[in-house]
Amino acid sequence: MAHRFARFATAAALQLVALVLAHELVFLARYGSRFGEALVHSGHGEAWTAAVMTSVALAIALGAAGVFRLARLGLLVHRRGRVRVDRAAARSLHSRSFLRGWLLLALRMAILSVALLTLQENVERWWIGQVAPGPGILVSAEYPNALWITIAVAFAISLVAALFEWHRRVLLARLRTARVSLPRAHGSAPARPGVVVRPLTESVLGRRSALRAPPPASAA
């Protein structure tokens, strides 16, 4: 449960970073030096400033956490020495697997970024009393290349996330292989003290002093 929540929180943070960065780049490409003034006139107030600062903090925190985790795993693998993963793990860590994972993540982030940015711009215009431009705002003349900028940002951020995840999987695979290949100490079990059975010794005295059975009655 905790692992799923962590993955969901990471995905949500990455999506927020992609959304904010795409928004800023779209406005920068559209207004240039009048970037700050355009943000104010389009309804971006203190709430948007807080969102930008939050996204920056999340980006720094995610990057630091990723670097720390990779460094920790790398140190553990280094202590194990040179380890080669088995064929099954190598197939799952092939470049095709990385490319497939990156493209799936990039497409998901791009679709969500386009949808969220379109919704955000329409809500902001409606909030300040302007007419909502509709679902085609990112392909309108007011925001040139906005759609492609949003998609490019999603692909770039997803590439960084996919590289971190792929490198983490490689280190984990090497660490698992190192643990499996460790020589196990086969200690011989201590011999149990057996019971020494000695043969019965016949006493000479006993043989001589032993009583003989009486002769049968017919012999008398």
C-alpha atoms as a PDB file:
ATOM      1  CA  MET A   1       0.000   0.000   0.000  1.00  0.00           C
ATOM      2  CA  ALA A   2       2.784   2.411   0.901  1.00  0.00           C
ATOM      3  CA  HIS A   3       4.646   1.551  -2.309  1.00  0.00           C
ATOM      4  CA  ARG A   4       1.568   2.312  -4.421  1.00  0.00           C
ATOM      5  CA  PHE A   5       1.019   5.599  -2.637  1.00  0.00           C
ATOM      6  CA  ALA A   6       4.647   6.580  -3.191  1.00  0.00           C
ATOM      7  CA  ARG A   7       4.390   5.794  -6.899  1.00  0.00           C
ATOM      8  CA  PHE A   8       1.155   7.768  -7.185  1.00  0.00           C
ATOM      9  CA  ALA A   9       2.648  10.743  -5.347  1.00  0.00           C
ATOM     10  CA  THR A  10       5.719  10.671  -7.590  1.00  0.00           C
ATOM     11  CA  ALA A  11       3.581  10.530 -10.740  1.00  0.00           C
ATOM     12  CA  ALA A  12       1.405  13.399  -9.508  1.00  0.00           C
ATOM     13  CA  ALA A  13       4.454  15.510  -8.679  1.00  0.00           C
ATOM     14  CA  LEU A  14       5.986  14.867 -12.105  1.00  0.00           C
ATOM     15  CA  GLN A  15       2.714  15.795 -13.773  1.00  0.00           C
ATOM     16  CA  LEU A  16       2.509  19.038 -11.808  1.00  0.00           C
ATOM     17  CA  VAL A  17       6.072  19.936 -12.760  1.00  0.00           C
ATOM     18  CA  ALA A  18       5.334  19.217 -16.427  1.00  0.00           C
ATOM     19  CA  LEU A  19       2.158  21.313 -16.340  1.00  0.00           C
ATOM     20  CA  VAL A  20       3.765  24.342 -14.707  1.00  0.00           C
ATOM     21  CA  LEU A  21       6.858  24.231 -16.913  1.00  0.00           C
ATOM     22  CA  ALA A  22       4.777  23.896 -20.081  1.00  0.00           C
ATOM     23  CA  HIS A  23       2.585  26.818 -19.007  1.00  0.00           C
ATOM     24  CA  GLU A  24       5.561  29.055 -18.344  1.00  0.00           C
ATOM     25  CA  LEU A  25       7.255  28.179 -21.630  1.00  0.00           C
ATOM     26  CA  VAL A  26       4.048  28.740 -23.612  1.00  0.00           C
ATOM     27  CA  PHE A  27       3.632  32.218 -22.138  1.00  0.00           C
ATOM     28  CA  LEU A  28       7.322  32.972 -22.593  1.00  0.00           C
ATOM     29  CA  ALA A  29       7.181  31.963 -26.252  1.00  0.00           C
ATOM     30  CA  ARG A  30       4.046  34.045 -26.768  1.00  0.00           C
ATOM     31  CA  TYR A  31       4.874  37.252 -24.877  1.00  0.00           C
ATOM     32  CA  GLY A  32       8.660  37.289 -24.575  1.00  0.00           C
ATOM     33  CA  SER A  33       9.821  40.199 -22.423  1.00  0.00           C
ATOM     34  CA  ARG A  34       6.205  40.966 -21.456  1.00  0.00           C
ATOM     35  CA  PHE A  35       5.961  37.561 -19.827  1.00  0.00           C
ATOM     36  CA  GLY A  36       5.292  38.765 -16.271  1.00  0.00           C
ATOM     37  CA  GLU A  37       2.800  41.414 -17.309  1.00  0.00           C
ATOM     38  CA  ALA A  38       0.889  38.925 -19.443  1.00  0.00           C
ATOM     39  CA  LEU A  39       0.611  36.536 -16.519  1.00  0.00           C
ATOM     40  CA  VAL A  40      -0.934  39.218 -14.327  1.00  0.00           C
ATOM     41  CA  HIS A  41      -3.451  40.336 -16.966  1.00  0.00           C
ATOM     42  CA  SER A  42      -4.517  36.764 -17.688  1.00  0.00           C
ATOM     43  CA  GLY A  43      -5.525  36.043 -14.098  1.00  0.00           C
ATOM     44  CA  HIS A  44      -2.352  34.487 -12.706  1.00  0.00           C
ATOM     45  CA  GLY A  45      -2.135  35.805  -9.185  1.00  0.00           C
ATOM     46  CA  GLU A  46      -0.749  34.605  -5.889  1.00  0.00           C
ATOM     47  CA  ALA A  47      -2.257  31.143  -6.319  1.00  0.00           C
ATOM     48  CA  TRP A  48      -0.308  30.596  -9.513  1.00  0.00           C
ATOM     49  CA  THR A  49       2.875  31.906  -7.922  1.00  0.00           C
ATOM     50  CA  ALA A  50       2.410  29.416  -5.091  1.00  0.00           C
ATOM     51  CA  ALA A  51       1.877  26.629  -7.625  1.00  0.00           C
ATOM     52  CA  VAL A  52       5.085  27.576  -9.420  1.00  0.00           C
ATOM     53  CA  MET A  53       7.092  27.613  -6.202  1.00  0.00           C
ATOM     54  CA  THR A  54       5.581  24.293  -5.145  1.00  0.00           C
ATOM     55  CA  SER A  55       6.462  22.689  -8.462  1.00  0.00           C
ATOM     56  CA  VAL A  56      10.032  23.962  -8.235  1.00  0.00           C
ATOM     57  CA  ALA A  57      10.373  22.556  -4.718  1.00  0.00           C
ATOM     58  CA  LEU A  58       8.908  19.231  -5.835  1.00  0.00           C
ATOM     59  CA  ALA A  59      11.290  19.038  -8.787  1.00  0.00           C
ATOM     60  CA  ILE A  60      14.280  19.652  -6.529  1.00  0.00           C
ATOM     61  CA  ALA A  61      13.039  17.142  -3.950  1.00  0.00           C
ATOM     62  CA  LEU A  62      12.375  14.445  -6.547  1.00  0.00           C
ATOM     63  CA  GLY A  63      15.769  14.964  -8.144  1.00  0.00           C
ATOM     64  CA  ALA A  64      17.580  14.853  -4.819  1.00  0.00           C
ATOM     65  CA  ALA A  65      15.687  11.745  -3.697  1.00  0.00           C
ATOM     66  CA  GLY A  66      16.410   9.997  -6.987  1.00  0.00           C
ATOM     67  CA  VAL A  67      20.113  10.803  -6.895  1.00  0.00           C
ATOM     68  CA  PHE A  68      20.379   9.702  -3.260  1.00  0.00           C
ATOM     69  CA  ARG A  69      18.652   6.396  -3.938  1.00  0.00           C
ATOM     70  CA  LEU A  70      20.774   5.643  -6.987  1.00  0.00           C
ATOM     71  CA  ALA A  71      23.943   6.517  -5.078  1.00  0.00           C
ATOM     72  CA  ARG A  72      22.932   4.230  -2.216  1.00  0.00           C
ATOM     73  CA  LEU A  73      22.172   1.313  -4.545  1.00  0.00           C
ATOM     74  CA  GLY A  74      25.386   1.936  -6.465  1.00  0.00           C
ATOM     75  CA  LEU A  75      27.390   1.785  -3.246  1.00  0.00           C
ATOM     76  CA  LEU A  76      25.778  -1.522  -2.287  1.00  0.00           C
ATOM     77  CA  VAL A  77      26.508  -2.989  -5.722  1.00  0.00           C
ATOM     78  CA  HIS A  78      30.103  -1.717  -5.577  1.00  0.00           C
ATOM     79  CA  ARG A  79      30.648  -3.527  -2.299  1.00  0.00           C
ATOM     80  CA  ARG A  80      29.536  -6.779  -3.929  1.00  0.00           C
ATOM     81  CA  GLY A  81      32.102  -6.447  -6.708  1.00  0.00           C
ATOM     82  CA  ARG A  82      31.604  -7.000 -10.433  1.00  0.00           C
ATOM     83  CA  VAL A  83      28.280  -8.750 -10.955  1.00  0.00           C
ATOM     84  CA  ARG A  84      26.555  -9.687 -14.190  1.00  0.00           C
ATOM     85  CA  VAL A  85      22.807 -10.188 -14.210  1.00  0.00           C
ATOM     86  CA  ASP A  86      21.277 -13.357 -15.586  1.00  0.00           C
ATOM     87  CA  ARG A  87      19.664 -13.618 -19.001  1.00  0.00           C
ATOM     88  CA  ALA A  88      16.087 -13.213 -17.781  1.00  0.00           C
ATOM     89  CA  ALA A  89      16.907  -9.983 -15.964  1.00  0.00           C
ATOM     90  CA  ALA A  90      19.003  -8.772 -18.893  1.00  0.00           C
ATOM     91  CA  ARG A  91      16.073  -9.192 -21.279  1.00  0.00           C
ATOM     92  CA  SER A  92      13.824  -7.136 -19.009  1.00  0.00           C
ATOM     93  CA  LEU A  93      16.494  -4.407 -18.874  1.00  0.00           C
ATOM     94  CA  HIS A  94      17.060  -4.236 -22.617  1.00  0.00           C
ATOM     95  CA  SER A  95      17.007  -0.893 -24.401  1.00  0.00           C
ATOM     96  CA  ARG A  96      13.716  -1.847 -26.028  1.00  0.00           C
ATOM     97  CA  SER A  97      12.157  -2.263 -22.604  1.00  0.00           C
ATOM     98  CA  PHE A  98      13.450   1.164 -21.596  1.00  0.00           C
ATOM     99  CA  LEU A  99      12.154   2.739 -24.810  1.00  0.00           C
ATOM    100  CA  ARG A 100       8.735   1.160 -24.374  1.00  0.00           C
ATOM    101  CA  GLY A 101       8.440   2.344 -20.786  1.00  0.00           C
ATOM    102  CA  TRP A 102       9.535   5.855 -21.680  1.00  0.00           C
ATOM    103  CA  LEU A 103       7.084   6.180 -24.569  1.00  0.00           C
ATOM    104  CA  LEU A 104       4.174   4.944 -22.467  1.00  0.00           C
ATOM    105  CA  LEU A 105       5.013   7.400 -19.697  1.00  0.00           C
ATOM    106  CA  ALA A 106       5.563  10.235 -22.181  1.00  0.00           C
ATOM    107  CA  LEU A 107       2.243   9.668 -23.943  1.00  0.00           C
ATOM    108  CA  ARG A 108       0.365   9.564 -20.655  1.00  0.00           C
ATOM    109  CA  MET A 109       2.021  12.724 -19.381  1.00  0.00           C
ATOM    110  CA  ALA A 110       1.533  14.522 -22.705  1.00  0.00           C
ATOM    111  CA  ILE A 111      -2.187  13.741 -22.830  1.00  0.00           C
ATOM    112  CA  LEU A 112      -2.703  14.801 -19.226  1.00  0.00           C
ATOM    113  CA  SER A 113      -0.638  17.967 -19.679  1.00  0.00           C
ATOM    114  CA  VAL A 114      -2.608  19.039 -22.753  1.00  0.00           C
ATOM    115  CA  ALA A 115      -5.935  18.343 -21.036  1.00  0.00           C
ATOM    116  CA  LEU A 116      -4.990  20.059 -17.766  1.00  0.00           C
ATOM    117  CA  LEU A 117      -3.447  23.094 -19.443  1.00  0.00           C
ATOM    118  CA  THR A 118      -6.495  23.538 -21.685  1.00  0.00           C
ATOM    119  CA  LEU A 119      -8.808  23.308 -18.686  1.00  0.00           C
ATOM    120  CA  GLN A 120      -6.662  25.681 -16.654  1.00  0.00           C
ATOM    121  CA  GLU A 121      -6.576  28.396 -19.307  1.00  0.00           C
ATOM    122  CA  ASN A 122     -10.332  28.245 -19.821  1.00  0.00           C
ATOM    123  CA  VAL A 123     -11.024  28.418 -16.081  1.00  0.00           C
ATOM    124  CA  GLU A 124      -8.633  31.347 -15.643  1.00  0.00           C
ATOM    125  CA  ARG A 125     -10.301  33.323 -18.430  1.00  0.00           C
ATOM    126  CA  TRP A 126     -13.736  32.603 -17.034  1.00  0.00           C
ATOM    127  CA  TRP A 127     -12.592  33.563 -13.512  1.00  0.00           C
ATOM    128  CA  ILE A 128     -11.537  37.070 -14.550  1.00  0.00           C
ATOM    129  CA  GLY A 129     -14.703  37.642 -16.582  1.00  0.00           C
ATOM    130  CA  GLN A 130     -13.374  36.936 -20.056  1.00  0.00           C
ATOM    131  CA  VAL A 131     -14.841  34.594 -22.628  1.00  0.00           C
ATOM    132  CA  ALA A 132     -13.476  31.059 -22.370  1.00  0.00           C
ATOM    133  CA  PRO A 133     -11.543  30.276 -25.554  1.00  0.00           C
ATOM    134  CA  GLY A 134     -12.704  26.658 -25.648  1.00  0.00           C
ATOM    135  CA  PRO A 135     -10.839  23.365 -26.040  1.00  0.00           C
ATOM    136  CA  GLY A 136      -8.765  24.565 -28.988  1.00  0.00           C
ATOM    137  CA  ILE A 137      -6.806  27.223 -27.129  1.00  0.00           C
ATOM    138  CA  LEU A 138      -3.484  25.406 -27.469  1.00  0.00           C
ATOM    139  CA  VAL A 139      -3.783  25.345 -31.267  1.00  0.00           C
ATOM    140  CA  SER A 140      -5.119  28.884 -31.622  1.00  0.00           C
ATOM    141  CA  ALA A 141      -3.210  31.854 -33.021  1.00  0.00           C
ATOM    142  CA  GLU A 142      -3.138  33.405 -29.548  1.00  0.00           C
ATOM    143  CA  TYR A 143      -0.737  30.728 -28.318  1.00  0.00           C
ATOM    144  CA  PRO A 144       1.482  29.684 -31.248  1.00  0.00           C
ATOM    145  CA  ASN A 145       3.153  26.291 -30.893  1.00  0.00           C
ATOM    146  CA  ALA A 146       1.570  25.843 -27.462  1.00  0.00           C
ATOM    147  CA  LEU A 147       0.531  22.276 -28.199  1.00  0.00           C
ATOM    148  CA  TRP A 148       3.996  21.226 -29.348  1.00  0.00           C
ATOM    149  CA  ILE A 149       5.674  22.960 -26.426  1.00  0.00           C
ATOM    150  CA  THR A 150       3.429  21.109 -23.992  1.00  0.00           C
ATOM    151  CA  ILE A 151       4.119  17.760 -25.652  1.00  0.00           C
ATOM    152  CA  ALA A 152       7.873  18.415 -25.775  1.00  0.00           C
ATOM    153  CA  VAL A 153       7.973  19.259 -22.069  1.00  0.00           C
ATOM    154  CA  ALA A 154       6.080  16.069 -21.211  1.00  0.00           C
ATOM    155  CA  PHE A 155       8.474  13.965 -23.292  1.00  0.00           C
ATOM    156  CA  ALA A 156      11.538  15.623 -21.747  1.00  0.00           C
ATOM    157  CA  ILE A 157      10.415  15.189 -18.139  1.00  0.00           C
ATOM    158  CA  SER A 158       9.270  11.621 -18.767  1.00  0.00           C
ATOM    159  CA  LEU A 159      12.682  10.850 -20.310  1.00  0.00           C
ATOM    160  CA  VAL A 160      14.459  11.962 -17.142  1.00  0.00           C
ATOM    161  CA  ALA A 161      12.054   9.937 -14.997  1.00  0.00           C
ATOM    162  CA  ALA A 162      12.446   6.863 -17.226  1.00  0.00           C
ATOM    163  CA  LEU A 163      16.244   7.087 -17.067  1.00  0.00           C
ATOM    164  CA  PHE A 164      16.154   7.229 -13.281  1.00  0.00           C
ATOM    165  CA  GLU A 165      13.775   4.247 -13.125  1.00  0.00           C
ATOM    166  CA  TRP A 166      15.774   2.177 -15.615  1.00  0.00           C
ATOM    167  CA  HIS A 167      19.047   2.818 -13.796  1.00  0.00           C
ATOM    168  CA  ARG A 168      17.387   1.875 -10.506  1.00  0.00           C
ATOM    169  CA  ARG A 169      16.156  -1.410 -11.994  1.00  0.00           C
ATOM    170  CA  VAL A 170      19.635  -2.211 -13.303  1.00  0.00           C
ATOM    171  CA  LEU A 171      21.201  -1.667  -9.882  1.00  0.00           C
ATOM    172  CA  LEU A 172      18.502  -3.708  -8.147  1.00  0.00           C
ATOM    173  CA  ALA A 173      18.981  -6.579 -10.606  1.00  0.00           C
ATOM    174  CA  ARG A 174      22.731  -6.600  -9.987  1.00  0.00           C
ATOM    175  CA  LEU A 175      22.190  -6.486  -6.250  1.00  0.00           C
ATOM    176  CA  ARG A 176      19.775  -9.437  -6.363  1.00  0.00           C
ATOM    177  CA  THR A 177      22.209 -11.422  -8.503  1.00  0.00           C
ATOM    178  CA  ALA A 178      25.014 -10.681  -6.063  1.00  0.00           C
ATOM    179  CA  ARG A 179      22.927 -11.899  -3.149  1.00  0.00           C
ATOM    180  CA  VAL A 180      22.000 -15.120  -4.925  1.00  0.00           C
ATOM    181  CA  SER A 181      25.583 -15.861  -5.982  1.00  0.00           C
ATOM    182  CA  LEU A 182      27.062 -15.423  -2.522  1.00  0.00           C
ATOM    183  CA  PRO A 183      28.789 -18.656  -1.391  1.00  0.00           C
ATOM    184  CA  ARG A 184      26.976 -20.280   1.440  1.00  0.00           C
ATOM    185  CA  ALA A 185      28.926 -21.742   4.281  1.00  0.00           C
ATOM    186  CA  HIS A 186      28.199 -25.452   4.462  1.00  0.00           C
ATOM    187  CA  GLY A 187      29.228 -26.229   8.000  1.00  0.00           C
ATOM    188  CA  SER A 188      29.373 -29.916   8.864  1.00  0.00           C
ATOM    189  CA  ALA A 189      27.096 -30.813  11.678  1.00  0.00           C
ATOM    190  CA  PRO A 190      28.907 -31.907  14.807  1.00  0.00           C
ATOM    191  CA  ALA A 191      28.950 -35.616  15.316  1.00  0.00           C
ATOM    192  CA  ARG A 192      26.499 -36.731  17.899  1.00  0.00           C
ATOM    193  CA  PRO A 193      28.003 -38.658  20.734  1.00  0.00           C
ATOM    194  CA  GLY A 194      26.927 -42.237  20.105  1.00  0.00           C
ATOM    195  CA  VAL A 195      26.382 -44.868  22.700  1.00  0.00           C
ATOM    196  CA  VAL A 196      29.330 -47.204  22.745  1.00  0.00           C
ATOM    197  CA  VAL A 197      28.099 -50.737  23.125  1.00  0.00           C
ATOM    198  CA  ARG A 198      30.775 -52.966  24.484  1.00  0.00           C
ATOM    199  CA  PRO A 199      30.572 -56.733  24.147  1.00  0.00           C
ATOM    200  CA  LEU A 200      29.639 -58.610  27.228  1.00  0.00           C
ATOM    201  CA  THR A 201      32.658 -60.006  29.004  1.00  0.00           C
ATOM    202  CA  GLU A 202      32.389 -63.329  30.651  1.00  0.00           C
ATOM    203  CA  SER A 203      33.757 -63.499  34.113  1.00  0.00           C
ATOM    204  CA  VAL A 204      36.128 -66.370  34.715  1.00  0.00           C
ATOM    205  CA  LEU A 205      35.041 -66.500  38.307  1.00  0.00           C
ATOM    206  CA  GLY A 206      31.482 -66.610  37.265  1.00  0.00           C
ATOM    207  CA  ARG A 207      32.135 -69.474  34.895  1.00  0.00           C
ATOM    208  CA  ARG A 208      33.822 -71.507  37.595  1.00  0.00           C
ATOM    209  CA  SER A 209      31.379 -70.790  40.357  1.00  0.00           C
ATOM    210  CA  ALA A 210      28.355 -71.137  38.256  1.00  0.00           C
ATOM    211  CA  LEU A 211      25.970 -73.857  39.394  1.00  0.00           C
ATOM    212  CA  ARG A 212      25.215 -76.620  37.008  1.00  0.00           C
ATOM    213  CA  ALA A 213      21.746 -77.817  36.388  1.00  0.00           C
ATOM    214  CA  PRO A 214      20.812 -81.043  38.218  1.00  0.00           C
ATOM    215  CA  PRO A 215      20.923 -84.217  36.145  1.00  0.00           C
ATOM    216  CA  PRO A 216      17.647 -85.548  34.865  1.00  0.00           C
ATOM    217  CA  ALA A 217      15.779 -88.135  37.000  1.00  0.00           C
ATOM    218  CA  SER A 218      16.325 -90.946  34.534  1.00  0.00           C
ATOM    219  CA  ALA A 219      20.039 -90.816  35.101  1.00  0.00           C
ATOM    220  CA  ALA A 220      19.757 -91.582  38.846  1.00  0.00           C
END
